[in-house]
Amino acid sequence: DNAKNTVYLQMNSLKPEDTAVYYCKAGRGITL
């Protein structure tokens, strides 16, 4: 949602193997 400067991850049917620390990344081009 660009108006809210927010990215979402909807996770359904979760499995134990999904257990992890989840990180958000913002990137531009191939370097930043």
Full PDB file with SEQRES, HELIX, SHEET, SSBOND, CRYST1, ORIGX, SCALE, CONECT and MASTER records, all heavy atoms in Angstrom:
SEQRES   1 A   32  ASP ASN ALA LYS ASN THR VAL TYR LEU GLN MET ASN SER          
SEQRES   2 A   32  LEU LYS PRO GLU ASP THR ALA VAL TYR TYR CYS LYS ALA          
SEQRES   3 A   32  GLY ARG GLY ILE THR LEU                                      
HELIX    1 AA1 ASN A    2  LYS A    4  5                                   3    
HELIX    2 AA2 PRO A   16  ASP A   18  5                                   3    
CRYST1    1.000    1.000    1.000  90.00  90.00  90.00 P 1           1          
ORIGX1      1.000000  0.000000  0.000000        0.00000                         
ORIGX2      0.000000  1.000000  0.000000        0.00000                         
ORIGX3      0.000000  0.000000  1.000000        0.00000                         
SCALE1      1.000000  0.000000  0.000000        0.00000                         
SCALE2      0.000000  1.000000  0.000000        0.00000                         
SCALE3      0.000000  0.000000  1.000000        0.00000                         
ATOM      1  N   ASP A   1       0.870  -1.158   0.000  1.00  0.00           N  
ATOM      2  CA  ASP A   1       0.000   0.000   0.000  1.00  0.00           C  
ATOM      3  C   ASP A   1       0.912   1.213   0.000  1.00  0.00           C  
ATOM      4  O   ASP A   1       1.433   1.612   1.039  1.00  0.00           O  
ATOM      5  CB  ASP A   1      -0.922  -0.003   1.216  1.00  0.00           C  
ATOM      6  CG  ASP A   1      -1.957   1.106   1.170  1.00  0.00           C  
ATOM      7  OD1 ASP A   1      -1.757   2.097   0.453  1.00  0.00           O  
ATOM      8  OD2 ASP A   1      -2.986   0.979   1.866  1.00  0.00           O  
ATOM      9  N   ASN A   2       1.114   1.779  -1.168  1.00  0.00           N  
ATOM     10  CA  ASN A   2       2.047   2.889  -1.278  1.00  0.00           C  
ATOM     11  C   ASN A   2       1.578   4.123  -0.519  1.00  0.00           C  
ATOM     12  O   ASN A   2       2.394   4.916  -0.055  1.00  0.00           O  
ATOM     13  CB  ASN A   2       2.282   3.229  -2.747  1.00  0.00           C  
ATOM     14  CG  ASN A   2       3.106   2.185  -3.460  1.00  0.00           C  
ATOM     15  OD1 ASN A   2       3.775   1.361  -2.835  1.00  0.00           O  
ATOM     16  ND2 ASN A   2       3.071   2.211  -4.787  1.00  0.00           N  
ATOM     17  N   ALA A   3       0.277   4.288  -0.383  1.00  0.00           N  
ATOM     18  CA  ALA A   3      -0.245   5.421   0.371  1.00  0.00           C  
ATOM     19  C   ALA A   3       0.104   5.325   1.845  1.00  0.00           C  
ATOM     20  O   ALA A   3       0.175   6.342   2.534  1.00  0.00           O  
ATOM     21  CB  ALA A   3      -1.755   5.526   0.188  1.00  0.00           C  
ATOM     22  N   LYS A   4       0.309   4.107   2.342  1.00  0.00           N  
ATOM     23  CA  LYS A   4       0.664   3.892   3.737  1.00  0.00           C  
ATOM     24  C   LYS A   4       2.132   3.545   3.929  1.00  0.00           C  
ATOM     25  O   LYS A   4       2.553   3.283   5.058  1.00  0.00           O  
ATOM     26  CB  LYS A   4      -0.200   2.781   4.337  1.00  0.00           C  
ATOM     27  CG  LYS A   4      -1.673   3.102   4.391  1.00  0.00           C  
ATOM     28  CD  LYS A   4      -2.454   1.964   5.025  1.00  0.00           C  
ATOM     29  CE  LYS A   4      -3.926   2.305   5.125  1.00  0.00           C  
ATOM     30  NZ  LYS A   4      -4.704   1.203   5.734  1.00  0.00           N  
ATOM     31  N   ASN A   5       2.889   3.533   2.851  1.00  0.00           N  
ATOM     32  CA  ASN A   5       4.304   3.148   2.918  1.00  0.00           C  
ATOM     33  C   ASN A   5       4.483   1.812   3.626  1.00  0.00           C  
ATOM     34  O   ASN A   5       5.385   1.638   4.453  1.00  0.00           O  
ATOM     35  CB  ASN A   5       5.131   4.229   3.615  1.00  0.00           C  
ATOM     36  CG  ASN A   5       5.343   5.461   2.761  1.00  0.00           C  
ATOM     37  OD1 ASN A   5       4.823   5.568   1.653  1.00  0.00           O  
ATOM     38  ND2 ASN A   5       6.110   6.404   3.280  1.00  0.00           N  
ATOM     39  N   THR A   6       3.638   0.873   3.292  1.00  0.00           N  
ATOM     40  CA  THR A   6       3.612  -0.394   4.009  1.00  0.00           C  
ATOM     41  C   THR A   6       3.532  -1.556   3.035  1.00  0.00           C  
ATOM     42  O   THR A   6       2.803  -1.496   2.041  1.00  0.00           O  
ATOM     43  CB  THR A   6       2.428  -0.446   4.978  1.00  0.00           C  
ATOM     44  OG1 THR A   6       2.543   0.628   5.924  1.00  0.00           O  
ATOM     45  CG2 THR A   6       2.403  -1.764   5.735  1.00  0.00           C  
ATOM     46  N   VAL A   7       4.285  -2.597   3.342  1.00  0.00           N  
ATOM     47  CA  VAL A   7       4.203  -3.846   2.623  1.00  0.00           C  
ATOM     48  C   VAL A   7       3.714  -4.911   3.587  1.00  0.00           C  
ATOM     49  O   VAL A   7       4.043  -4.886   4.775  1.00  0.00           O  
ATOM     50  CB  VAL A   7       5.560  -4.235   1.987  1.00  0.00           C  
ATOM     51  CG1 VAL A   7       6.627  -4.449   3.042  1.00  0.00           C  
ATOM     52  CG2 VAL A   7       5.406  -5.464   1.103  1.00  0.00           C  
ATOM     53  N   TYR A   8       2.911  -5.838   3.079  1.00  0.00           N  
ATOM     54  CA  TYR A   8       2.296  -6.867   3.896  1.00  0.00           C  
ATOM     55  C   TYR A   8       2.689  -8.251   3.402  1.00  0.00           C  
ATOM     56  O   TYR A   8       3.009  -8.450   2.229  1.00  0.00           O  
ATOM     57  CB  TYR A   8       0.771  -6.762   3.839  1.00  0.00           C  
ATOM     58  CG  TYR A   8       0.234  -5.414   4.220  1.00  0.00           C  
ATOM     59  CD1 TYR A   8      -0.047  -4.458   3.251  1.00  0.00           C  
ATOM     60  CD2 TYR A   8      -0.005  -5.091   5.549  1.00  0.00           C  
ATOM     61  CE1 TYR A   8      -0.546  -3.218   3.595  1.00  0.00           C  
ATOM     62  CE2 TYR A   8      -0.506  -3.856   5.905  1.00  0.00           C  
ATOM     63  CZ  TYR A   8      -0.776  -2.920   4.931  1.00  0.00           C  
ATOM     64  OH  TYR A   8      -1.273  -1.685   5.276  1.00  0.00           O  
ATOM     65  N   LEU A   9       2.634  -9.184   4.304  1.00  0.00           N  
ATOM     66  CA  LEU A   9       2.758 -10.586   3.954  1.00  0.00           C  
ATOM     67  C   LEU A   9       1.644 -11.343   4.651  1.00  0.00           C  
ATOM     68  O   LEU A   9       1.677 -11.519   5.871  1.00  0.00           O  
ATOM     69  CB  LEU A   9       4.119 -11.156   4.360  1.00  0.00           C  
ATOM     70  CG  LEU A   9       4.373 -12.595   3.917  1.00  0.00           C  
ATOM     71  CD1 LEU A   9       4.489 -12.681   2.397  1.00  0.00           C  
ATOM     72  CD2 LEU A   9       5.629 -13.160   4.580  1.00  0.00           C  
ATOM     73  N   GLN A  10       0.659 -11.746   3.879  1.00  0.00           N  
ATOM     74  CA  GLN A  10      -0.419 -12.567   4.397  1.00  0.00           C  
ATOM     75  C   GLN A  10       0.020 -14.019   4.332  1.00  0.00           C  
ATOM     76  O   GLN A  10       0.331 -14.525   3.258  1.00  0.00           O  
ATOM     77  CB  GLN A  10      -1.698 -12.363   3.583  1.00  0.00           C  
ATOM     78  CG  GLN A  10      -2.872 -13.216   4.040  1.00  0.00           C  
ATOM     79  CD  GLN A  10      -3.362 -12.839   5.409  1.00  0.00           C  
ATOM     80  OE1 GLN A  10      -3.581 -11.661   5.689  1.00  0.00           O  
ATOM     81  NE2 GLN A  10      -3.540 -13.824   6.277  1.00  0.00           N  
ATOM     82  N   MET A  11       0.033 -14.677   5.464  1.00  0.00           N  
ATOM     83  CA  MET A  11       0.499 -16.046   5.565  1.00  0.00           C  
ATOM     84  C   MET A  11      -0.654 -16.921   6.015  1.00  0.00           C  
ATOM     85  O   MET A  11      -1.172 -16.764   7.121  1.00  0.00           O  
ATOM     86  CB  MET A  11       1.669 -16.151   6.540  1.00  0.00           C  
ATOM     87  CG  MET A  11       2.832 -15.223   6.213  1.00  0.00           C  
ATOM     88  SD  MET A  11       4.263 -15.487   7.283  1.00  0.00           S  
ATOM     89  CE  MET A  11       3.571 -14.975   8.856  1.00  0.00           C  
ATOM     90  N   ASN A  12      -1.047 -17.839   5.162  1.00  0.00           N  
ATOM     91  CA  ASN A  12      -2.125 -18.769   5.454  1.00  0.00           C  
ATOM     92  C   ASN A  12      -1.590 -20.191   5.466  1.00  0.00           C  
ATOM     93  O   ASN A  12      -0.516 -20.471   4.960  1.00  0.00           O  
ATOM     94  CB  ASN A  12      -3.236 -18.643   4.412  1.00  0.00           C  
ATOM     95  CG  ASN A  12      -3.873 -17.281   4.382  1.00  0.00           C  
ATOM     96  OD1 ASN A  12      -4.013 -16.620   5.403  1.00  0.00           O  
ATOM     97  ND2 ASN A  12      -4.289 -16.846   3.195  1.00  0.00           N  
ATOM     98  N   SER A  13      -2.386 -21.075   6.028  1.00  0.00           N  
ATOM     99  CA  SER A  13      -2.031 -22.495   6.080  1.00  0.00           C  
ATOM    100  C   SER A  13      -0.613 -22.692   6.594  1.00  0.00           C  
ATOM    101  O   SER A  13       0.184 -23.443   6.027  1.00  0.00           O  
ATOM    102  CB  SER A  13      -2.196 -23.131   4.695  1.00  0.00           C  
ATOM    103  OG  SER A  13      -3.523 -22.993   4.223  1.00  0.00           O  
ATOM    104  N   LEU A  14      -0.318 -22.043   7.680  1.00  0.00           N  
ATOM    105  CA  LEU A  14       1.042 -22.050   8.201  1.00  0.00           C  
ATOM    106  C   LEU A  14       1.458 -23.433   8.668  1.00  0.00           C  
ATOM    107  O   LEU A  14       0.654 -24.195   9.199  1.00  0.00           O  
ATOM    108  CB  LEU A  14       1.186 -21.041   9.329  1.00  0.00           C  
ATOM    109  CG  LEU A  14       1.301 -19.598   8.846  1.00  0.00           C  
ATOM    110  CD1 LEU A  14       0.967 -18.622   9.963  1.00  0.00           C  
ATOM    111  CD2 LEU A  14       2.703 -19.338   8.302  1.00  0.00           C  
ATOM    112  N   LYS A  15       2.720 -23.716   8.454  1.00  0.00           N  
ATOM    113  CA  LYS A  15       3.324 -24.986   8.808  1.00  0.00           C  
ATOM    114  C   LYS A  15       4.449 -24.760   9.801  1.00  0.00           C  
ATOM    115  O   LYS A  15       5.047 -23.686   9.839  1.00  0.00           O  
ATOM    116  CB  LYS A  15       3.889 -25.673   7.558  1.00  0.00           C  
ATOM    117  CG  LYS A  15       2.891 -25.885   6.439  1.00  0.00           C  
ATOM    118  CD  LYS A  15       3.586 -26.434   5.201  1.00  0.00           C  
ATOM    119  CE  LYS A  15       2.605 -26.647   4.069  1.00  0.00           C  
ATOM    120  NZ  LYS A  15       3.287 -27.164   2.850  1.00  0.00           N  
ATOM    121  N   PRO A  16       4.781 -25.765  10.600  1.00  0.00           N  
ATOM    122  CA  PRO A  16       5.900 -25.598  11.528  1.00  0.00           C  
ATOM    123  C   PRO A  16       7.195 -25.173  10.842  1.00  0.00           C  
ATOM    124  O   PRO A  16       7.977 -24.414  11.429  1.00  0.00           O  
ATOM    125  CB  PRO A  16       6.037 -26.987  12.163  1.00  0.00           C  
ATOM    126  CG  PRO A  16       4.656 -27.537  12.122  1.00  0.00           C  
ATOM    127  CD  PRO A  16       4.081 -27.043  10.822  1.00  0.00           C  
ATOM    128  N   GLU A  17       7.414 -25.614   9.619  1.00  0.00           N  
ATOM    129  CA  GLU A  17       8.623 -25.241   8.910  1.00  0.00           C  
ATOM    130  C   GLU A  17       8.645 -23.786   8.476  1.00  0.00           C  
ATOM    131  O   GLU A  17       9.667 -23.305   7.975  1.00  0.00           O  
ATOM    132  CB  GLU A  17       8.859 -26.156   7.698  1.00  0.00           C  
ATOM    133  CG  GLU A  17       7.649 -26.313   6.801  1.00  0.00           C  
ATOM    134  CD  GLU A  17       6.855 -27.583   7.090  1.00  0.00           C  
ATOM    135  OE1 GLU A  17       6.604 -27.869   8.282  1.00  0.00           O  
ATOM    136  OE2 GLU A  17       6.494 -28.289   6.130  1.00  0.00           O  
ATOM    137  N   ASP A  18       7.542 -23.075   8.645  1.00  0.00           N  
ATOM    138  CA  ASP A  18       7.526 -21.636   8.412  1.00  0.00           C  
ATOM    139  C   ASP A  18       8.103 -20.854   9.580  1.00  0.00           C  
ATOM    140  O   ASP A  18       8.275 -19.637   9.472  1.00  0.00           O  
ATOM    141  CB  ASP A  18       6.107 -21.149   8.137  1.00  0.00           C  
ATOM    142  CG  ASP A  18       5.519 -21.728   6.863  1.00  0.00           C  
ATOM    143  OD1 ASP A  18       6.242 -21.812   5.851  1.00  0.00           O  
ATOM    144  OD2 ASP A  18       4.325 -22.089   6.876  1.00  0.00           O  
ATOM    145  N   THR A  19       8.368 -21.522  10.676  1.00  0.00           N  
ATOM    146  CA  THR A  19       8.916 -20.852  11.847  1.00  0.00           C  
ATOM    147  C   THR A  19      10.264 -20.227  11.518  1.00  0.00           C  
ATOM    148  O   THR A  19      11.180 -20.901  11.047  1.00  0.00           O  
ATOM    149  CB  THR A  19       9.067 -21.839  13.004  1.00  0.00           C  
ATOM    150  OG1 THR A  19       7.773 -22.309  13.396  1.00  0.00           O  
ATOM    151  CG2 THR A  19       9.735 -21.180  14.201  1.00  0.00           C  
ATOM    152  N   ALA A  20      10.378 -18.940  11.768  1.00  0.00           N  
ATOM    153  CA  ALA A  20      11.594 -18.206  11.447  1.00  0.00           C  
ATOM    154  C   ALA A  20      11.430 -16.767  11.897  1.00  0.00           C  
ATOM    155  O   ALA A  20      10.337 -16.337  12.274  1.00  0.00           O  
ATOM    156  CB  ALA A  20      11.874 -18.243   9.934  1.00  0.00           C  
ATOM    157  N   VAL A  21      12.517 -16.037  11.846  1.00  0.00           N  
ATOM    158  CA  VAL A  21      12.452 -14.593  11.941  1.00  0.00           C  
ATOM    159  C   VAL A  21      12.238 -14.056  10.538  1.00  0.00           C  
ATOM    160  O   VAL A  21      12.984 -14.399   9.616  1.00  0.00           O  
ATOM    161  CB  VAL A  21      13.722 -13.992  12.563  1.00  0.00           C  
ATOM    162  CG1 VAL A  21      13.641 -12.474  12.587  1.00  0.00           C  
ATOM    163  CG2 VAL A  21      13.923 -14.531  13.972  1.00  0.00           C  
ATOM    164  N   TYR A  22      11.238 -13.238  10.381  1.00  0.00           N  
ATOM    165  CA  TYR A  22      10.889 -12.674   9.089  1.00  0.00           C  
ATOM    166  C   TYR A  22      11.367 -11.239   9.014  1.00  0.00           C  
ATOM    167  O   TYR A  22      11.095 -10.430   9.903  1.00  0.00           O  
ATOM    168  CB  TYR A  22       9.379 -12.743   8.862  1.00  0.00           C  
ATOM    169  CG  TYR A  22       8.909 -14.130   8.503  1.00  0.00           C  
ATOM    170  CD1 TYR A  22       8.907 -15.142   9.452  1.00  0.00           C  
ATOM    171  CD2 TYR A  22       8.486 -14.439   7.214  1.00  0.00           C  
ATOM    172  CE1 TYR A  22       8.501 -16.425   9.120  1.00  0.00           C  
ATOM    173  CE2 TYR A  22       8.073 -15.710   6.882  1.00  0.00           C  
ATOM    174  CZ  TYR A  22       8.086 -16.700   7.839  1.00  0.00           C  
ATOM    175  OH  TYR A  22       7.671 -17.975   7.507  1.00  0.00           O  
ATOM    176  N   TYR A  23      12.060 -10.935   7.935  1.00  0.00           N  
ATOM    177  CA  TYR A  23      12.668  -9.627   7.743  1.00  0.00           C  
ATOM    178  C   TYR A  23      12.082  -8.935   6.527  1.00  0.00           C  
ATOM    179  O   TYR A  23      11.877  -9.560   5.482  1.00  0.00           O  
ATOM    180  CB  TYR A  23      14.173  -9.749   7.533  1.00  0.00           C  
ATOM    181  CG  TYR A  23      14.934 -10.306   8.709  1.00  0.00           C  
ATOM    182  CD1 TYR A  23      15.150 -11.670   8.837  1.00  0.00           C  
ATOM    183  CD2 TYR A  23      15.444  -9.461   9.686  1.00  0.00           C  
ATOM    184  CE1 TYR A  23      15.851 -12.184   9.911  1.00  0.00           C  
ATOM    185  CE2 TYR A  23      16.146  -9.965  10.757  1.00  0.00           C  
ATOM    186  CZ  TYR A  23      16.348 -11.328  10.865  1.00  0.00           C  
ATOM    187  OH  TYR A  23      17.054 -11.829  11.932  1.00  0.00           O  
ATOM    188  N   CYS A  24      11.875  -7.664   6.665  1.00  0.00           N  
ATOM    189  CA  CYS A  24      11.430  -6.818   5.581  1.00  0.00           C  
ATOM    190  C   CYS A  24      12.641  -6.178   4.919  1.00  0.00           C  
ATOM    191  O   CYS A  24      13.581  -5.754   5.593  1.00  0.00           O  
ATOM    192  CB  CYS A  24      10.491  -5.744   6.137  1.00  0.00           C  
ATOM    193  SG  CYS A  24       9.883  -4.543   4.944  1.00  0.00           S  
ATOM    194  N   LYS A  25      12.614  -6.110   3.609  1.00  0.00           N  
ATOM    195  CA  LYS A  25      13.697  -5.497   2.850  1.00  0.00           C  
ATOM    196  C   LYS A  25      13.141  -4.523   1.842  1.00  0.00           C  
ATOM    197  O   LYS A  25      12.157  -4.814   1.163  1.00  0.00           O  
ATOM    198  CB  LYS A  25      14.516  -6.574   2.129  1.00  0.00           C  
ATOM    199  CG  LYS A  25      15.654  -6.018   1.291  1.00  0.00           C  
ATOM    200  CD  LYS A  25      16.301  -7.112   0.463  1.00  0.00           C  
ATOM    201  CE  LYS A  25      17.386  -6.562  -0.445  1.00  0.00           C  
ATOM    202  NZ  LYS A  25      17.971  -7.620  -1.305  1.00  0.00           N  
ATOM    203  N   ALA A  26      13.784  -3.380   1.742  1.00  0.00           N  
ATOM    204  CA  ALA A  26      13.503  -2.399   0.707  1.00  0.00           C  
ATOM    205  C   ALA A  26      14.733  -2.265  -0.162  1.00  0.00           C  
ATOM    206  O   ALA A  26      15.840  -2.069   0.347  1.00  0.00           O  
ATOM    207  CB  ALA A  26      13.128  -1.053   1.319  1.00  0.00           C  
ATOM    208  N   GLY A  27      14.544  -2.356  -1.463  1.00  0.00           N  
ATOM    209  CA  GLY A  27      15.660  -2.273  -2.375  1.00  0.00           C  
ATOM    210  C   GLY A  27      15.328  -1.462  -3.593  1.00  0.00           C  
ATOM    211  O   GLY A  27      14.175  -1.374  -4.013  1.00  0.00           O  
ATOM    212  N   ARG A  28      16.363  -0.869  -4.137  1.00  0.00           N  
ATOM    213  CA  ARG A  28      16.221  -0.101  -5.358  1.00  0.00           C  
ATOM    214  C   ARG A  28      17.407  -0.398  -6.246  1.00  0.00           C  
ATOM    215  O   ARG A  28      18.557  -0.345  -5.801  1.00  0.00           O  
ATOM    216  CB  ARG A  28      16.133   1.392  -5.041  1.00  0.00           C  
ATOM    217  CG  ARG A  28      15.808   2.234  -6.254  1.00  0.00           C  
ATOM    218  CD  ARG A  28      15.668   3.693  -5.885  1.00  0.00           C  
ATOM    219  NE  ARG A  28      15.335   4.488  -7.065  1.00  0.00           N  
ATOM    220  CZ  ARG A  28      15.798   5.693  -7.317  1.00  0.00           C  
ATOM    221  NH1 ARG A  28      16.617   6.273  -6.452  1.00  0.00           N  
ATOM    222  NH2 ARG A  28      15.439   6.326  -8.414  1.00  0.00           N  
ATOM    223  N   GLY A  29      17.116  -0.694  -7.492  1.00  0.00           N  
ATOM    224  CA  GLY A  29      18.178  -1.095  -8.388  1.00  0.00           C  
ATOM    225  C   GLY A  29      18.802  -2.387  -7.918  1.00  0.00           C  
ATOM    226  O   GLY A  29      18.112  -3.287  -7.422  1.00  0.00           O  
ATOM    227  N   ILE A  30      20.114  -2.474  -8.048  1.00  0.00           N  
ATOM    228  CA  ILE A  30      20.813  -3.683  -7.641  1.00  0.00           C  
ATOM    229  C   ILE A  30      21.807  -3.441  -6.518  1.00  0.00           C  
ATOM    230  O   ILE A  30      22.528  -4.368  -6.122  1.00  0.00           O  
ATOM    231  CB  ILE A  30      21.540  -4.342  -8.836  1.00  0.00           C  
ATOM    232  CG1 ILE A  30      22.553  -3.385  -9.460  1.00  0.00           C  
ATOM    233  CG2 ILE A  30      20.533  -4.806  -9.886  1.00  0.00           C  
ATOM    234  CD1 ILE A  30      23.420  -4.031 -10.536  1.00  0.00           C  
ATOM    235  N   THR A  31      21.837  -2.239  -5.984  1.00  0.00           N  
ATOM    236  CA  THR A  31      22.843  -1.914  -4.979  1.00  0.00           C  
ATOM    237  C   THR A  31      22.285  -1.372  -3.666  1.00  0.00           C  
ATOM    238  O   THR A  31      22.878  -1.611  -2.614  1.00  0.00           O  
ATOM    239  CB  THR A  31      23.843  -0.886  -5.523  1.00  0.00           C  
ATOM    240  OG1 THR A  31      23.159   0.299  -5.929  1.00  0.00           O  
ATOM    241  CG2 THR A  31      24.604  -1.462  -6.709  1.00  0.00           C  
ATOM    242  N   LEU A  32      21.190  -0.670  -3.715  1.00  0.00           N  
ATOM    243  CA  LEU A  32      20.687   0.016  -2.535  1.00  0.00           C  
ATOM    244  C   LEU A  32      19.622  -0.834  -1.846  1.00  0.00           C  
ATOM    245  O   LEU A  32      18.632  -1.219  -2.466  1.00  0.00           O  
ATOM    246  CB  LEU A  32      20.105   1.370  -2.915  1.00  0.00           C  
ATOM    247  CG  LEU A  32      19.603   2.265  -1.783  1.00  0.00           C  
ATOM    248  CD1 LEU A  32      20.739   2.597  -0.828  1.00  0.00           C  
ATOM    249  CD2 LEU A  32      18.980   3.531  -2.345  1.00  0.00           C  
TER     250      LEU A  32                                                      
MASTER        0    0    0    2    0    0    0    6  249    1    0    3          
END                                                                             
